[in-house]
Amino acid sequence: MTGELAGRRRDVQYLSLDDFRADVERLAATSVRTVGDWSFGQILVHLAKTIGFSLDGFPFQSPWLVRKLVTLFLKNRLLHKKLPSGFKLPKKGRGLLPEPDTTVEEGTRMILAALDRLQREIPRAAHPALGQLTPEEWQSLHLRHAELHMSFALSNDE
């Protein structure tokens, strides 16, 4: 991402899943443009897939050494600070990528269903790089992840 693009992103902070849901619903009710490579629908589907995998299990895992190093040196930062943009998923993580023709309606339906499910169920799956997380850590990671991706979505009023 270029510095120019970074300056056009929204500053997003979610304190709760309800904050995230309200932002999704607000944006879905307006005309949205994105300043990254994905459409708003694709962003929502990606976030929904990630939540689903945290409940059902991820189809891939990072190598043992990567998991240990990430947990040791980056876990606290990933859970509590803004996530950096530009991360490229490994080929094994392609299941997290949305389809190019994903609509806002489909993405909204999927993310709201995923958030409903996350509020009913406890994530038990191991994270591919961080390993086992507590429910509180999962929620924090989902919020930081949502902040990153939702920062690329702007209503046409912004």
N, C-alpha and C. Protein backbone atom coordinates (compact mmCIF):
# COMPACT_ATOMS: atom_id res chain seq x y z
N MET A 1 0.85 -1.17 0.00
CA MET A 1 0.00 0.00 0.00
C MET A 1 0.89 1.23 0.00
N THR A 2 0.54 2.18 -0.80
CA THR A 2 1.33 3.40 -0.88
C THR A 2 0.98 4.33 0.26
N GLY A 3 1.88 5.25 0.54
CA GLY A 3 1.62 6.23 1.59
C GLY A 3 0.41 7.08 1.27
N GLU A 4 0.21 7.39 -0.02
CA GLU A 4 -0.95 8.17 -0.44
C GLU A 4 -2.25 7.44 -0.10
N LEU A 5 -2.28 6.15 -0.36
CA LEU A 5 -3.46 5.35 -0.07
C LEU A 5 -3.70 5.29 1.43
N ALA A 6 -2.64 5.14 2.20
CA ALA A 6 -2.77 5.04 3.65
C ALA A 6 -3.45 6.28 4.22
N GLY A 7 -3.17 7.46 3.66
CA GLY A 7 -3.77 8.69 4.15
C GLY A 7 -5.25 8.79 3.87
N ARG A 8 -5.76 7.99 2.96
CA ARG A 8 -7.17 8.04 2.61
C ARG A 8 -8.00 7.04 3.40
N ARG A 9 -7.39 6.18 4.15
CA ARG A 9 -8.14 5.19 4.94
C ARG A 9 -8.80 5.85 6.14
N ARG A 10 -9.86 5.20 6.61
CA ARG A 10 -10.54 5.68 7.83
C ARG A 10 -9.73 5.27 9.05
N ASP A 11 -9.85 6.04 10.11
CA ASP A 11 -9.29 5.65 11.40
C ASP A 11 -10.42 4.92 12.13
N VAL A 12 -10.29 3.62 12.28
CA VAL A 12 -11.36 2.79 12.84
C VAL A 12 -10.88 2.17 14.15
N GLN A 13 -11.74 2.24 15.16
CA GLN A 13 -11.46 1.57 16.43
C GLN A 13 -12.76 0.97 16.94
N TYR A 14 -12.72 -0.34 17.20
CA TYR A 14 -13.88 -1.03 17.75
C TYR A 14 -13.55 -1.49 19.16
N LEU A 15 -14.41 -1.12 20.09
CA LEU A 15 -14.26 -1.56 21.47
C LEU A 15 -15.03 -2.85 21.75
N SER A 16 -15.97 -3.17 20.84
CA SER A 16 -16.79 -4.37 21.03
C SER A 16 -17.27 -4.89 19.68
N LEU A 17 -17.80 -6.10 19.70
CA LEU A 17 -18.39 -6.66 18.49
C LEU A 17 -19.60 -5.84 18.06
N ASP A 18 -20.31 -5.25 19.04
CA ASP A 18 -21.45 -4.40 18.71
C ASP A 18 -21.01 -3.15 17.94
N ASP A 19 -19.84 -2.58 18.29
CA ASP A 19 -19.30 -1.44 17.54
C ASP A 19 -19.02 -1.85 16.10
N PHE A 20 -18.43 -3.01 15.92
CA PHE A 20 -18.12 -3.52 14.58
C PHE A 20 -19.41 -3.72 13.79
N ARG A 21 -20.39 -4.39 14.41
CA ARG A 21 -21.67 -4.63 13.75
C ARG A 21 -22.32 -3.31 13.32
N ALA A 22 -22.32 -2.32 14.20
CA ALA A 22 -22.96 -1.03 13.89
C ALA A 22 -22.27 -0.36 12.70
N ASP A 23 -20.95 -0.47 12.62
CA ASP A 23 -20.23 0.13 11.50
C ASP A 23 -20.57 -0.60 10.20
N VAL A 24 -20.63 -1.92 10.25
CA VAL A 24 -21.02 -2.70 9.06
C VAL A 24 -22.41 -2.27 8.59
N GLU A 25 -23.35 -2.23 9.52
CA GLU A 25 -24.73 -1.89 9.16
C GLU A 25 -24.83 -0.46 8.62
N ARG A 26 -24.09 0.46 9.22
CA ARG A 26 -24.10 1.85 8.76
C ARG A 26 -23.56 1.95 7.34
N LEU A 27 -22.42 1.31 7.08
CA LEU A 27 -21.83 1.38 5.75
C LEU A 27 -22.67 0.63 4.72
N ALA A 28 -23.23 -0.51 5.11
CA ALA A 28 -24.02 -1.31 4.16
C ALA A 28 -25.27 -0.55 3.72
N ALA A 29 -25.72 0.40 4.51
CA ALA A 29 -26.92 1.18 4.18
C ALA A 29 -26.60 2.40 3.32
N THR A 30 -25.31 2.58 2.99
CA THR A 30 -24.90 3.72 2.17
C THR A 30 -24.18 3.22 0.93
N SER A 31 -23.70 4.15 0.17
CA SER A 31 -22.85 3.83 -0.97
C SER A 31 -21.41 3.85 -0.47
N VAL A 32 -20.68 2.76 -0.69
CA VAL A 32 -19.33 2.61 -0.14
C VAL A 32 -18.32 2.48 -1.27
N ARG A 33 -17.19 3.13 -1.07
CA ARG A 33 -16.05 2.92 -1.95
C ARG A 33 -14.90 2.40 -1.09
N THR A 34 -13.98 1.72 -1.71
CA THR A 34 -12.82 1.23 -0.97
C THR A 34 -11.55 1.82 -1.57
N VAL A 35 -10.54 1.91 -0.76
CA VAL A 35 -9.26 2.48 -1.20
C VAL A 35 -8.17 1.41 -1.25
N GLY A 36 -8.58 0.16 -1.32
CA GLY A 36 -7.63 -0.94 -1.45
C GLY A 36 -7.99 -1.80 -2.64
N ASP A 37 -7.50 -3.01 -2.61
CA ASP A 37 -7.71 -3.94 -3.73
C ASP A 37 -9.07 -4.64 -3.69
N TRP A 38 -9.72 -4.68 -2.53
CA TRP A 38 -10.97 -5.42 -2.39
C TRP A 38 -12.16 -4.49 -2.36
N SER A 39 -13.30 -5.01 -2.81
CA SER A 39 -14.57 -4.30 -2.68
C SER A 39 -15.05 -4.43 -1.23
N PHE A 40 -16.06 -3.65 -0.89
CA PHE A 40 -16.63 -3.73 0.46
C PHE A 40 -17.20 -5.13 0.71
N GLY A 41 -17.87 -5.69 -0.27
CA GLY A 41 -18.38 -7.06 -0.12
C GLY A 41 -17.28 -8.06 0.14
N GLN A 42 -16.17 -7.93 -0.57
CA GLN A 42 -15.04 -8.85 -0.36
C GLN A 42 -14.46 -8.71 1.05
N ILE A 43 -14.35 -7.48 1.53
CA ILE A 43 -13.85 -7.25 2.89
C ILE A 43 -14.73 -7.98 3.89
N LEU A 44 -16.04 -7.82 3.75
CA LEU A 44 -16.98 -8.43 4.70
C LEU A 44 -16.92 -9.96 4.64
N VAL A 45 -16.82 -10.52 3.45
CA VAL A 45 -16.73 -11.98 3.32
C VAL A 45 -15.44 -12.49 3.96
N HIS A 46 -14.34 -11.81 3.73
CA HIS A 46 -13.06 -12.21 4.33
C HIS A 46 -13.16 -12.23 5.86
N LEU A 47 -13.73 -11.17 6.42
CA LEU A 47 -13.88 -11.10 7.88
C LEU A 47 -14.81 -12.20 8.38
N ALA A 48 -15.88 -12.47 7.65
CA ALA A 48 -16.82 -13.54 8.04
C ALA A 48 -16.13 -14.90 7.99
N LYS A 49 -15.35 -15.16 6.96
CA LYS A 49 -14.65 -16.44 6.85
C LYS A 49 -13.68 -16.62 8.02
N THR A 50 -12.98 -15.57 8.38
CA THR A 50 -12.02 -15.65 9.48
C THR A 50 -12.74 -15.99 10.79
N ILE A 51 -13.86 -15.34 11.03
CA ILE A 51 -14.63 -15.65 12.24
C ILE A 51 -15.09 -17.10 12.21
N GLY A 52 -15.58 -17.55 11.07
CA GLY A 52 -16.01 -18.94 10.95
C GLY A 52 -14.89 -19.92 11.22
N PHE A 53 -13.71 -19.66 10.68
CA PHE A 53 -12.58 -20.56 10.92
C PHE A 53 -12.16 -20.56 12.38
N SER A 54 -12.33 -19.43 13.07
CA SER A 54 -11.97 -19.39 14.50
C SER A 54 -12.90 -20.29 15.31
N LEU A 55 -14.08 -20.55 14.78
CA LEU A 55 -15.04 -21.43 15.45
C LEU A 55 -14.91 -22.88 14.99
N ASP A 56 -14.64 -23.07 13.71
CA ASP A 56 -14.65 -24.42 13.12
C ASP A 56 -13.27 -25.02 12.89
N GLY A 57 -12.23 -24.19 12.93
CA GLY A 57 -10.88 -24.66 12.65
C GLY A 57 -10.40 -24.15 11.31
N PHE A 58 -9.15 -23.78 11.26
CA PHE A 58 -8.53 -23.28 10.03
C PHE A 58 -8.04 -24.44 9.18
N PRO A 59 -8.07 -24.29 7.86
CA PRO A 59 -7.63 -25.37 6.97
C PRO A 59 -6.11 -25.42 6.78
N PHE A 60 -5.39 -24.61 7.54
CA PHE A 60 -3.93 -24.59 7.42
C PHE A 60 -3.33 -24.19 8.76
N GLN A 61 -2.03 -24.40 8.89
CA GLN A 61 -1.31 -24.05 10.10
C GLN A 61 0.08 -23.58 9.70
N SER A 62 0.58 -22.59 10.39
CA SER A 62 1.94 -22.12 10.14
C SER A 62 2.92 -23.16 10.66
N PRO A 63 4.14 -23.18 10.12
CA PRO A 63 5.15 -24.10 10.65
C PRO A 63 5.39 -23.87 12.14
N TRP A 64 5.81 -24.89 12.82
CA TRP A 64 6.01 -24.86 14.27
C TRP A 64 6.87 -23.68 14.70
N LEU A 65 8.00 -23.47 14.04
CA LEU A 65 8.91 -22.39 14.43
C LEU A 65 8.25 -21.03 14.26
N VAL A 66 7.51 -20.83 13.19
CA VAL A 66 6.79 -19.57 12.97
C VAL A 66 5.79 -19.35 14.10
N ARG A 67 5.03 -20.40 14.45
CA ARG A 67 4.04 -20.26 15.53
C ARG A 67 4.72 -19.85 16.83
N LYS A 68 5.83 -20.46 17.15
CA LYS A 68 6.53 -20.14 18.40
C LYS A 68 7.06 -18.71 18.39
N LEU A 69 7.66 -18.29 17.28
CA LEU A 69 8.23 -16.94 17.20
C LEU A 69 7.14 -15.87 17.20
N VAL A 70 6.07 -16.09 16.44
CA VAL A 70 4.98 -15.12 16.41
C VAL A 70 4.34 -15.00 17.78
N THR A 71 4.10 -16.13 18.43
CA THR A 71 3.50 -16.10 19.76
C THR A 71 4.40 -15.36 20.75
N LEU A 72 5.68 -15.64 20.69
CA LEU A 72 6.63 -15.06 21.63
C LEU A 72 6.82 -13.55 21.41
N PHE A 73 6.96 -13.14 20.15
CA PHE A 73 7.33 -11.76 19.88
C PHE A 73 6.20 -10.85 19.39
N LEU A 74 5.13 -11.39 18.84
CA LEU A 74 4.12 -10.55 18.22
C LEU A 74 2.71 -10.68 18.80
N LYS A 75 2.45 -11.70 19.58
CA LYS A 75 1.08 -11.97 20.03
C LYS A 75 0.45 -10.75 20.70
N ASN A 76 1.11 -10.18 21.67
CA ASN A 76 0.54 -9.05 22.41
C ASN A 76 0.25 -7.88 21.47
N ARG A 77 1.16 -7.61 20.56
CA ARG A 77 0.96 -6.52 19.60
C ARG A 77 -0.23 -6.80 18.69
N LEU A 78 -0.35 -8.03 18.20
CA LEU A 78 -1.44 -8.38 17.30
C LEU A 78 -2.80 -8.30 17.98
N LEU A 79 -2.83 -8.56 19.27
CA LEU A 79 -4.10 -8.54 20.00
C LEU A 79 -4.51 -7.14 20.46
N HIS A 80 -3.54 -6.23 20.61
CA HIS A 80 -3.86 -4.96 21.25
C HIS A 80 -3.52 -3.71 20.46
N LYS A 81 -2.81 -3.83 19.37
CA LYS A 81 -2.42 -2.66 18.57
C LYS A 81 -3.04 -2.78 17.18
N LYS A 82 -3.03 -1.69 16.46
CA LYS A 82 -3.54 -1.71 15.09
C LYS A 82 -2.68 -2.65 14.25
N LEU A 83 -3.34 -3.46 13.43
CA LEU A 83 -2.62 -4.39 12.58
C LEU A 83 -2.08 -3.66 11.36
N PRO A 84 -0.88 -4.02 10.93
CA PRO A 84 -0.33 -3.39 9.72
C PRO A 84 -0.99 -3.93 8.47
N SER A 85 -1.07 -3.11 7.44
CA SER A 85 -1.62 -3.58 6.17
C SER A 85 -0.50 -4.20 5.35
N GLY A 86 -0.90 -4.87 4.28
CA GLY A 86 0.08 -5.41 3.35
C GLY A 86 0.46 -6.86 3.58
N PHE A 87 -0.14 -7.53 4.56
CA PHE A 87 0.17 -8.93 4.83
C PHE A 87 -0.35 -9.79 3.68
N LYS A 88 0.48 -10.68 3.19
CA LYS A 88 0.08 -11.60 2.13
C LYS A 88 -0.13 -12.98 2.75
N LEU A 89 -1.32 -13.52 2.54
CA LEU A 89 -1.62 -14.85 3.04
C LEU A 89 -0.77 -15.89 2.33
N PRO A 90 -0.34 -16.92 3.06
CA PRO A 90 0.37 -18.01 2.38
C PRO A 90 -0.60 -18.76 1.47
N LYS A 91 -0.08 -19.49 0.52
CA LYS A 91 -0.93 -20.23 -0.42
C LYS A 91 -1.92 -21.13 0.31
N LYS A 92 -1.51 -21.68 1.44
CA LYS A 92 -2.42 -22.55 2.20
C LYS A 92 -3.60 -21.78 2.77
N GLY A 93 -3.48 -20.47 2.87
CA GLY A 93 -4.55 -19.65 3.43
C GLY A 93 -5.49 -19.06 2.41
N ARG A 94 -5.45 -19.54 1.19
CA ARG A 94 -6.28 -18.98 0.12
C ARG A 94 -7.78 -19.13 0.41
N GLY A 95 -8.16 -20.06 1.28
CA GLY A 95 -9.56 -20.22 1.64
C GLY A 95 -10.14 -19.01 2.35
N LEU A 96 -9.28 -18.15 2.85
CA LEU A 96 -9.73 -16.92 3.50
C LEU A 96 -10.02 -15.80 2.52
N LEU A 97 -9.61 -15.99 1.27
CA LEU A 97 -9.81 -14.94 0.27
C LEU A 97 -11.22 -14.97 -0.28
N PRO A 98 -11.80 -13.80 -0.50
CA PRO A 98 -13.15 -13.75 -1.07
C PRO A 98 -13.11 -13.89 -2.59
N GLU A 99 -14.24 -14.25 -3.15
CA GLU A 99 -14.36 -14.32 -4.61
C GLU A 99 -14.39 -12.89 -5.17
N PRO A 100 -13.86 -12.69 -6.38
CA PRO A 100 -13.82 -11.34 -6.95
C PRO A 100 -15.18 -10.69 -7.15
N ASP A 101 -16.22 -11.47 -7.40
CA ASP A 101 -17.54 -10.91 -7.70
C ASP A 101 -18.46 -10.85 -6.48
N THR A 102 -17.91 -10.86 -5.30
CA THR A 102 -18.70 -10.82 -4.08
C THR A 102 -19.46 -9.50 -3.97
N THR A 103 -20.75 -9.59 -3.66
CA THR A 103 -21.58 -8.38 -3.54
C THR A 103 -21.61 -7.87 -2.10
N VAL A 104 -21.97 -6.63 -1.95
CA VAL A 104 -22.14 -6.05 -0.60
C VAL A 104 -23.23 -6.80 0.15
N GLU A 105 -24.32 -7.14 -0.55
CA GLU A 105 -25.43 -7.85 0.09
C GLU A 105 -24.96 -9.20 0.63
N GLU A 106 -24.21 -9.94 -0.18
CA GLU A 106 -23.69 -11.24 0.26
C GLU A 106 -22.73 -11.07 1.43
N GLY A 107 -21.82 -10.11 1.32
CA GLY A 107 -20.87 -9.87 2.40
C GLY A 107 -21.55 -9.45 3.69
N THR A 108 -22.55 -8.58 3.58
CA THR A 108 -23.27 -8.13 4.77
C THR A 108 -23.99 -9.29 5.43
N ARG A 109 -24.67 -10.10 4.63
CA ARG A 109 -25.37 -11.27 5.17
C ARG A 109 -24.39 -12.20 5.89
N MET A 110 -23.25 -12.44 5.26
CA MET A 110 -22.27 -13.37 5.84
C MET A 110 -21.64 -12.83 7.12
N ILE A 111 -21.26 -11.54 7.14
CA ILE A 111 -20.60 -11.02 8.34
C ILE A 111 -21.58 -10.91 9.50
N LEU A 112 -22.82 -10.52 9.24
CA LEU A 112 -23.80 -10.43 10.34
C LEU A 112 -24.10 -11.81 10.90
N ALA A 113 -24.20 -12.82 10.03
CA ALA A 113 -24.40 -14.20 10.51
C ALA A 113 -23.19 -14.67 11.31
N ALA A 114 -21.99 -14.35 10.85
CA ALA A 114 -20.78 -14.75 11.57
C ALA A 114 -20.71 -14.07 12.93
N LEU A 115 -21.06 -12.79 13.00
CA LEU A 115 -21.05 -12.08 14.28
C LEU A 115 -22.10 -12.65 15.23
N ASP A 116 -23.27 -13.00 14.71
CA ASP A 116 -24.29 -13.65 15.54
C ASP A 116 -23.74 -14.95 16.12
N ARG A 117 -23.13 -15.72 15.27
CA ARG A 117 -22.57 -17.01 15.70
C ARG A 117 -21.45 -16.80 16.73
N LEU A 118 -20.59 -15.82 16.51
CA LEU A 118 -19.49 -15.55 17.43
C LEU A 118 -20.01 -15.14 18.81
N GLN A 119 -21.16 -14.48 18.84
CA GLN A 119 -21.72 -14.09 20.13
C GLN A 119 -22.42 -15.25 20.84
N ARG A 120 -22.75 -16.30 20.10
CA ARG A 120 -23.39 -17.49 20.69
C ARG A 120 -22.40 -18.59 21.05
N GLU A 121 -21.32 -18.68 20.28
CA GLU A 121 -20.39 -19.80 20.42
C GLU A 121 -19.02 -19.31 20.88
N ILE A 122 -18.27 -20.22 21.49
CA ILE A 122 -16.93 -19.90 21.96
C ILE A 122 -15.91 -20.40 20.93
N PRO A 123 -15.05 -19.49 20.43
CA PRO A 123 -14.01 -19.96 19.50
C PRO A 123 -13.07 -20.94 20.20
N ARG A 124 -12.91 -22.11 19.62
CA ARG A 124 -12.05 -23.13 20.21
C ARG A 124 -10.89 -23.53 19.30
N ALA A 125 -10.94 -23.07 18.06
CA ALA A 125 -9.92 -23.45 17.09
C ALA A 125 -8.60 -22.76 17.41
N ALA A 126 -7.53 -23.41 17.04
CA ALA A 126 -6.21 -22.79 17.17
C ALA A 126 -6.00 -21.83 16.00
N HIS A 127 -5.42 -20.69 16.30
CA HIS A 127 -5.06 -19.74 15.25
C HIS A 127 -3.87 -20.32 14.48
N PRO A 128 -3.80 -20.14 13.16
CA PRO A 128 -2.72 -20.73 12.39
C PRO A 128 -1.32 -20.29 12.80
N ALA A 129 -1.18 -19.08 13.34
CA ALA A 129 0.14 -18.58 13.74
C ALA A 129 0.27 -18.39 15.24
N LEU A 130 -0.83 -18.13 15.93
CA LEU A 130 -0.78 -17.83 17.37
C LEU A 130 -1.14 -19.03 18.26
N GLY A 131 -1.64 -20.09 17.66
CA GLY A 131 -2.02 -21.27 18.44
C GLY A 131 -3.31 -21.03 19.21
N GLN A 132 -3.42 -21.67 20.36
CA GLN A 132 -4.64 -21.56 21.17
C GLN A 132 -4.78 -20.16 21.75
N LEU A 133 -5.98 -19.62 21.62
CA LEU A 133 -6.31 -18.31 22.18
C LEU A 133 -7.51 -18.46 23.10
N THR A 134 -7.59 -17.60 24.09
CA THR A 134 -8.77 -17.57 24.95
C THR A 134 -9.90 -16.90 24.16
N PRO A 135 -11.15 -17.05 24.60
CA PRO A 135 -12.24 -16.33 23.92
C PRO A 135 -12.02 -14.82 23.88
N GLU A 136 -11.47 -14.26 24.94
CA GLU A 136 -11.20 -12.83 24.98
C GLU A 136 -10.13 -12.44 23.97
N GLU A 137 -9.10 -13.29 23.84
CA GLU A 137 -8.05 -13.02 22.86
C GLU A 137 -8.60 -13.12 21.44
N TRP A 138 -9.46 -14.11 21.20
CA TRP A 138 -10.07 -14.22 19.88
C TRP A 138 -10.87 -12.97 19.56
N GLN A 139 -11.67 -12.50 20.52
CA GLN A 139 -12.48 -11.31 20.26
C GLN A 139 -11.58 -10.12 19.95
N SER A 140 -10.54 -9.93 20.72
CA SER A 140 -9.61 -8.83 20.49
C SER A 140 -8.98 -8.94 19.10
N LEU A 141 -8.56 -10.14 18.72
CA LEU A 141 -7.95 -10.32 17.41
C LEU A 141 -8.96 -10.05 16.29
N HIS A 142 -10.18 -10.52 16.45
CA HIS A 142 -11.21 -10.24 15.43
C HIS A 142 -11.47 -8.73 15.31
N LEU A 143 -11.48 -8.03 16.42
CA LEU A 143 -11.71 -6.58 16.37
C LEU A 143 -10.55 -5.86 15.70
N ARG A 144 -9.30 -6.25 16.02
CA ARG A 144 -8.14 -5.62 15.37
C ARG A 144 -8.15 -5.93 13.87
N HIS A 145 -8.48 -7.17 13.51
CA HIS A 145 -8.54 -7.58 12.11
C HIS A 145 -9.63 -6.79 11.37
N ALA A 146 -10.78 -6.63 12.01
CA ALA A 146 -11.87 -5.87 11.41
C ALA A 146 -11.48 -4.40 11.25
N GLU A 147 -10.81 -3.83 12.25
CA GLU A 147 -10.37 -2.44 12.15
C GLU A 147 -9.47 -2.24 10.92
N LEU A 148 -8.55 -3.17 10.73
CA LEU A 148 -7.65 -3.08 9.58
C LEU A 148 -8.45 -3.05 8.28
N HIS A 149 -9.26 -4.07 8.05
CA HIS A 149 -9.95 -4.17 6.76
C HIS A 149 -11.04 -3.12 6.59
N MET A 150 -11.77 -2.82 7.65
CA MET A 150 -12.84 -1.83 7.54
C MET A 150 -12.29 -0.42 7.34
N SER A 151 -11.01 -0.19 7.66
CA SER A 151 -10.42 1.13 7.44
C SER A 151 -10.31 1.45 5.95
N PHE A 152 -10.38 0.44 5.10
CA PHE A 152 -10.31 0.64 3.65
C PHE A 152 -11.68 0.98 3.04
N ALA A 153 -12.74 0.88 3.83
CA ALA A 153 -14.10 1.12 3.35
C ALA A 153 -14.57 2.50 3.81
N LEU A 154 -14.97 3.32 2.85
CA LEU A 154 -15.43 4.66 3.15
C LEU A 154 -16.80 4.89 2.52
N SER A 155 -17.69 5.50 3.28
CA SER A 155 -18.95 5.88 2.66
C SER A 155 -18.66 7.05 1.73
N ASN A 156 -19.46 7.23 0.75
CA ASN A 156 -19.22 8.32 -0.21
C ASN A 156 -19.36 9.69 0.45
N ASP A 157 -19.87 9.72 1.69
CA ASP A 157 -19.98 10.97 2.45
C ASP A 157 -18.65 11.34 3.09
N GLU A 158 -17.74 10.36 3.21
CA GLU A 158 -16.46 10.61 3.90
C GLU A 158 -15.40 11.09 2.93
